[in-house]
Amino acid sequence: KIFLNKKKKFVSFVTGGDPDITTSLQIIKSLAKNGSDIIEIGMPFSDPMADGPTIQQSSIRAIKNKIDLEDIFKISRNFRKTNDETPLILMGYYNIIFHYGVSKFVKKCVSNGIDGLIIVDLQPEEDTELLKEIKSTNLDLIRLITPTTNNERFNQILKNASGFLYYVNVTGTTGQHSANLNDIKKSILNFKKRTKLPIVSGFGIKNVKQVREICRFSDGVVVGSSIVNIVEKNYIDNKKNIIGLVSNFVKRLNKGTIS
């Protein structure tokens, strides 16, 4: 379901419940209406090691509002009342899932319209419990690959990967700096020789020019920090305009996926 056609995918990331549960649902609905082919919803976590300051702050805002997994499922369920097409992916850290209960978490994902999971810190050596629960479902387990992933590691990652592979452009945290385009291209094309899974590129993508350039050799892009940054800059004094600002930004960047 996540990759139904060959179109280059524009993937948006937002933290669930940021800046509040009502606005968060409105943002996610507007993402789907304005060009997001796939939406990643971040599960707020107090120690998000792969995330830069912008997404860390969004998690802090959500946690201060007491947003938890039940709220994330509520957002997903309400989104699904009007949209059963746009794939939803939950992205986060295994600690949250383990604490909630792996079996219960997977059942809730299925019943609330979640299509895939990206668990940043869950390594292939430690994923047995989650795999056991999702094998009888249609949930995709989307894996991260990086510029430093060697051939042996790549083969191990591929064993239980599905949906697509998320190529992390830079070594470091989200939204901080952009990688060299030629390096990204060389790395992704090398991985593409060894898998039929689509490869989507993320971390440090901020404008339509970058989207267009990266979509020439990848199957899509992920944009997160730049969207979350709009929320951060406007949620106090300009909240009523957040939806419009996010919508216009996503609409503009999505144009870069059309070759």
Protein backbone atom coordinates (compact mmCIF):
# COMPACT_ATOMS: atom_id res chain seq x y z
CA LYS A 1 0.00 0.00 0.00
CA ILE A 2 2.78 2.47 0.87
CA PHE A 3 4.27 2.41 -2.65
CA LEU A 4 1.29 1.67 -4.88
CA ASN A 5 2.73 3.34 -7.98
CA LYS A 6 6.01 4.57 -9.43
CA LYS A 7 5.42 8.23 -8.61
CA LYS A 8 8.23 9.85 -6.61
CA LYS A 9 6.94 10.14 -3.06
CA PHE A 10 6.87 13.26 -0.95
CA VAL A 11 7.00 12.10 2.67
CA SER A 12 6.17 14.55 5.47
CA PHE A 13 7.13 14.17 9.11
CA VAL A 14 5.39 15.89 12.02
CA THR A 15 5.42 15.10 15.72
CA GLY A 16 2.05 13.79 16.88
CA GLY A 17 0.26 16.18 19.24
CA ASP A 18 2.47 19.18 18.45
CA PRO A 19 1.59 21.90 19.36
CA ASP A 20 -1.69 20.37 20.63
CA ILE A 21 -3.88 17.43 19.64
CA THR A 22 -6.48 19.46 17.69
CA THR A 23 -3.95 21.46 15.66
CA SER A 24 -1.88 18.32 15.09
CA LEU A 25 -4.84 16.54 13.45
CA GLN A 26 -5.54 19.62 11.30
CA ILE A 27 -1.89 19.73 10.20
CA ILE A 28 -1.90 16.04 9.25
CA LYS A 29 -5.13 16.45 7.27
CA SER A 30 -3.66 19.46 5.46
CA LEU A 31 -0.47 17.54 4.64
CA ALA A 32 -2.53 14.88 2.88
CA LYS A 33 -4.56 17.48 0.97
CA ASN A 34 -1.53 19.45 -0.19
CA GLY A 35 0.86 16.91 -1.62
CA SER A 36 2.13 14.55 1.07
CA ASP A 37 2.05 11.04 -0.41
CA ILE A 38 3.05 9.45 2.91
CA ILE A 39 2.85 10.94 6.41
CA GLU A 40 5.18 10.04 9.26
CA ILE A 41 3.81 10.79 12.71
CA GLY A 42 6.48 11.08 15.37
CA MET A 43 5.76 9.42 18.71
CA PRO A 44 6.92 12.01 21.31
CA PHE A 45 9.91 10.82 23.30
CA SER A 46 12.04 12.53 25.94
CA ASP A 47 15.40 11.44 24.52
CA PRO A 48 15.22 11.35 20.70
CA MET A 49 18.87 10.67 19.86
CA ALA A 50 18.63 10.93 16.05
CA ASP A 51 16.65 14.16 16.07
CA GLY A 52 18.02 17.67 15.91
CA PRO A 53 16.91 20.58 18.12
CA THR A 54 13.76 21.41 16.10
CA ILE A 55 12.23 17.94 16.42
CA GLN A 56 13.49 17.56 20.00
CA GLN A 57 11.58 20.73 20.91
CA SER A 58 8.44 19.43 19.18
CA SER A 59 8.61 16.29 21.32
CA ILE A 60 9.04 18.43 24.44
CA ARG A 61 5.99 20.53 23.50
CA ALA A 62 3.89 17.40 22.99
CA ILE A 63 5.08 15.78 26.23
CA LYS A 64 4.29 18.99 28.17
CA ASN A 65 0.76 18.66 26.80
CA LYS A 66 0.74 15.07 28.14
CA ILE A 67 0.50 13.57 24.63
CA ASP A 68 0.97 9.81 24.77
CA LEU A 69 0.45 6.83 22.44
CA GLU A 70 -3.30 6.81 23.11
CA ASP A 71 -3.44 10.36 21.74
CA ILE A 72 -1.36 9.36 18.69
CA PHE A 73 -3.81 6.54 17.97
CA LYS A 74 -6.71 8.96 18.46
CA ILE A 75 -5.19 11.33 15.88
CA SER A 76 -4.72 8.43 13.44
CA ARG A 77 -8.26 7.15 14.01
CA ASN A 78 -9.76 10.60 13.42
CA PHE A 79 -7.64 11.11 10.30
CA ARG A 80 -8.89 7.80 8.93
CA LYS A 81 -12.52 8.94 9.22
CA THR A 82 -11.99 11.16 6.18
CA ASN A 83 -8.92 9.65 4.51
CA ASP A 84 -8.30 5.93 4.05
CA GLU A 85 -5.75 6.32 1.26
CA THR A 86 -2.73 8.30 2.48
CA PRO A 87 -0.31 5.89 4.21
CA LEU A 88 0.45 6.69 7.85
CA ILE A 89 3.72 5.65 9.44
CA LEU A 90 4.58 5.89 13.12
CA MET A 91 8.17 6.90 13.73
CA GLY A 92 9.95 6.77 17.04
CA TYR A 93 11.92 4.79 19.57
CA TYR A 94 11.44 1.27 20.86
CA ASN A 95 11.34 2.30 24.51
CA ILE A 96 7.86 3.79 24.00
CA ILE A 97 6.55 0.63 22.33
CA PHE A 98 8.14 -1.72 24.86
CA HIS A 99 6.71 0.29 27.76
CA TYR A 100 3.24 0.31 26.16
CA GLY A 101 3.35 -3.41 25.38
CA VAL A 102 4.48 -4.71 21.98
CA SER A 103 1.43 -6.87 21.26
CA LYS A 104 -1.00 -4.17 22.37
CA PHE A 105 0.87 -1.57 20.31
CA VAL A 106 0.70 -3.63 17.11
CA LYS A 107 -3.03 -4.36 17.58
CA LYS A 108 -3.70 -0.63 18.08
CA CYS A 109 -1.69 0.22 14.96
CA VAL A 110 -3.78 -2.17 12.90
CA SER A 111 -7.12 -1.01 14.32
CA ASN A 112 -6.27 2.69 13.89
CA GLY A 113 -5.12 2.64 10.29
CA ILE A 114 -1.35 2.68 10.64
CA ASP A 115 0.50 1.25 7.61
CA GLY A 116 4.13 1.15 8.71
CA LEU A 117 6.67 1.64 11.47
CA ILE A 118 10.07 3.28 11.59
CA ILE A 119 11.76 2.41 14.88
CA VAL A 120 14.95 4.43 14.89
CA ASP A 121 16.88 2.52 17.56
CA LEU A 122 15.62 -1.03 16.91
CA GLN A 123 18.47 -2.98 15.38
CA PRO A 124 17.93 -6.18 13.33
CA GLU A 125 19.56 -8.18 16.13
CA GLU A 126 16.88 -7.04 18.59
CA ASP A 127 13.66 -7.01 16.57
CA THR A 128 12.39 -10.56 17.20
CA GLU A 129 9.56 -9.60 19.53
CA LEU A 130 8.18 -6.90 17.24
CA LEU A 131 8.54 -9.07 14.12
CA LYS A 132 6.62 -11.88 15.79
CA GLU A 133 3.70 -9.51 16.39
CA ILE A 134 3.62 -7.86 12.96
CA LYS A 135 4.13 -10.95 10.78
CA SER A 136 0.38 -11.68 10.65
CA THR A 137 -0.47 -8.03 9.83
CA ASN A 138 0.03 -5.74 6.84
CA LEU A 139 2.30 -3.41 8.80
CA ASP A 140 5.56 -2.57 7.04
CA LEU A 141 8.77 -2.36 9.04
CA ILE A 142 10.74 0.39 7.33
CA ARG A 143 14.48 0.30 7.91
CA LEU A 144 17.04 3.06 8.03
CA ILE A 145 20.22 2.86 5.97
CA THR A 146 23.06 5.37 6.13
CA PRO A 147 26.18 6.46 4.23
CA THR A 148 28.19 4.13 6.49
CA THR A 149 26.03 1.00 5.97
CA ASN A 150 28.34 -1.62 4.44
CA ASN A 151 27.29 -4.55 2.24
CA GLU A 152 27.14 -7.11 5.04
CA ARG A 153 25.04 -4.82 7.23
CA PHE A 154 22.79 -3.91 4.31
CA ASN A 155 22.00 -7.59 3.68
CA GLN A 156 21.12 -8.03 7.35
CA ILE A 157 18.86 -4.95 7.31
CA LEU A 158 17.09 -6.19 4.16
CA LYS A 159 16.01 -9.52 5.69
CA ASN A 160 12.90 -8.15 7.39
CA ALA A 161 12.58 -4.74 5.75
CA SER A 162 9.41 -3.87 3.84
CA GLY A 163 7.57 -0.87 2.41
CA PHE A 164 10.66 1.14 1.55
CA LEU A 165 14.13 1.91 2.85
CA TYR A 166 14.80 5.27 4.48
CA TYR A 167 18.21 6.56 3.43
CA VAL A 168 19.65 8.94 6.03
CA ASN A 169 21.58 11.53 4.01
CA VAL A 170 23.94 12.61 6.75
CA THR A 171 25.65 11.11 9.73
CA GLY A 172 24.25 13.14 12.58
CA THR A 173 20.87 14.49 13.60
CA THR A 174 17.89 15.67 11.59
CA GLY A 175 17.61 19.11 10.06
CA GLN A 176 21.13 20.28 10.82
CA HIS A 177 22.99 20.33 7.52
CA SER A 178 22.75 18.96 4.02
CA ALA A 179 24.99 16.26 2.58
CA ASN A 180 26.93 16.42 -0.66
CA LEU A 181 24.53 15.60 -3.50
CA ASN A 182 27.02 13.49 -5.45
CA ASP A 183 27.76 11.42 -2.35
CA ILE A 184 24.05 10.79 -1.78
CA LYS A 185 23.54 9.82 -5.42
CA LYS A 186 26.49 7.41 -5.48
CA SER A 187 25.40 5.75 -2.25
CA ILE A 188 21.72 5.36 -3.17
CA LEU A 189 22.47 4.02 -6.65
CA ASN A 190 24.82 1.48 -5.09
CA PHE A 191 22.08 0.30 -2.71
CA LYS A 192 19.54 0.20 -5.55
CA LYS A 193 21.63 -2.40 -7.36
CA ARG A 194 21.00 -4.81 -4.50
CA THR A 195 17.32 -4.38 -3.64
CA LYS A 196 13.97 -3.90 -5.32
CA LEU A 197 12.65 -1.97 -2.33
CA PRO A 198 12.12 1.75 -3.04
CA ILE A 199 14.66 4.04 -1.38
CA VAL A 200 13.50 7.37 0.03
CA SER A 201 16.02 9.99 1.13
CA GLY A 202 15.75 12.17 4.23
CA PHE A 203 17.56 14.45 6.75
CA GLY A 204 18.52 18.00 5.79
CA ILE A 205 16.09 18.53 2.88
CA LYS A 206 14.72 22.06 3.07
CA ASN A 207 13.67 23.38 -0.34
CA VAL A 208 12.17 22.45 -3.71
CA LYS A 209 15.57 22.53 -5.46
CA GLN A 210 16.90 19.83 -3.12
CA VAL A 211 13.71 17.78 -3.53
CA ARG A 212 14.01 17.93 -7.33
CA GLU A 213 17.71 17.03 -7.36
CA ILE A 214 17.36 14.09 -4.96
CA CYS A 215 14.25 12.71 -6.71
CA ARG A 216 16.31 12.27 -9.89
CA PHE A 217 17.91 9.18 -8.37
CA SER A 218 15.83 8.31 -5.28
CA ASP A 219 12.21 7.17 -5.08
CA GLY A 220 11.22 10.12 -2.94
CA VAL A 221 12.20 12.45 -0.12
CA VAL A 222 11.36 12.96 3.54
CA VAL A 223 10.94 16.49 4.88
CA GLY A 224 10.50 16.89 8.63
CA SER A 225 12.41 19.59 10.47
CA SER A 226 11.41 22.33 8.01
CA ILE A 227 7.72 21.53 8.55
CA VAL A 228 8.09 21.26 12.33
CA ASN A 229 9.98 24.56 12.28
CA ILE A 230 6.85 26.30 10.91
CA VAL A 231 4.90 24.99 13.91
CA GLU A 232 7.63 26.11 16.32
CA LYS A 233 7.76 29.64 14.93
CA ASN A 234 4.00 30.19 14.89
CA TYR A 235 2.28 28.17 17.62
CA ILE A 236 2.33 30.99 20.20
CA ASP A 237 1.49 34.20 18.33
CA ASN A 238 0.25 32.97 14.96
CA LYS A 239 -1.45 29.64 15.62
CA LYS A 240 -4.46 30.26 13.37
CA ASN A 241 -2.14 30.55 10.35
CA ILE A 242 -0.09 27.38 10.94
CA ILE A 243 -2.29 25.21 8.71
CA GLY A 244 -2.04 27.62 5.78
CA LEU A 245 1.72 28.05 6.17
CA VAL A 246 2.33 24.29 6.35
CA SER A 247 -0.01 23.67 3.40
CA ASN A 248 1.72 26.21 1.17
CA PHE A 249 5.18 24.94 2.10
CA VAL A 250 4.31 21.30 1.36
CA LYS A 251 2.51 22.19 -1.86
CA ARG A 252 5.60 24.07 -3.04
CA LEU A 253 8.07 21.31 -2.15
CA ASN A 254 5.91 18.57 -3.65
CA LYS A 255 6.41 20.16 -7.06
CA GLY A 256 10.01 18.94 -6.88
CA THR A 257 8.87 15.31 -7.03
CA ILE A 258 7.32 15.76 -10.47
CA SER A 259 9.92 15.03 -13.13
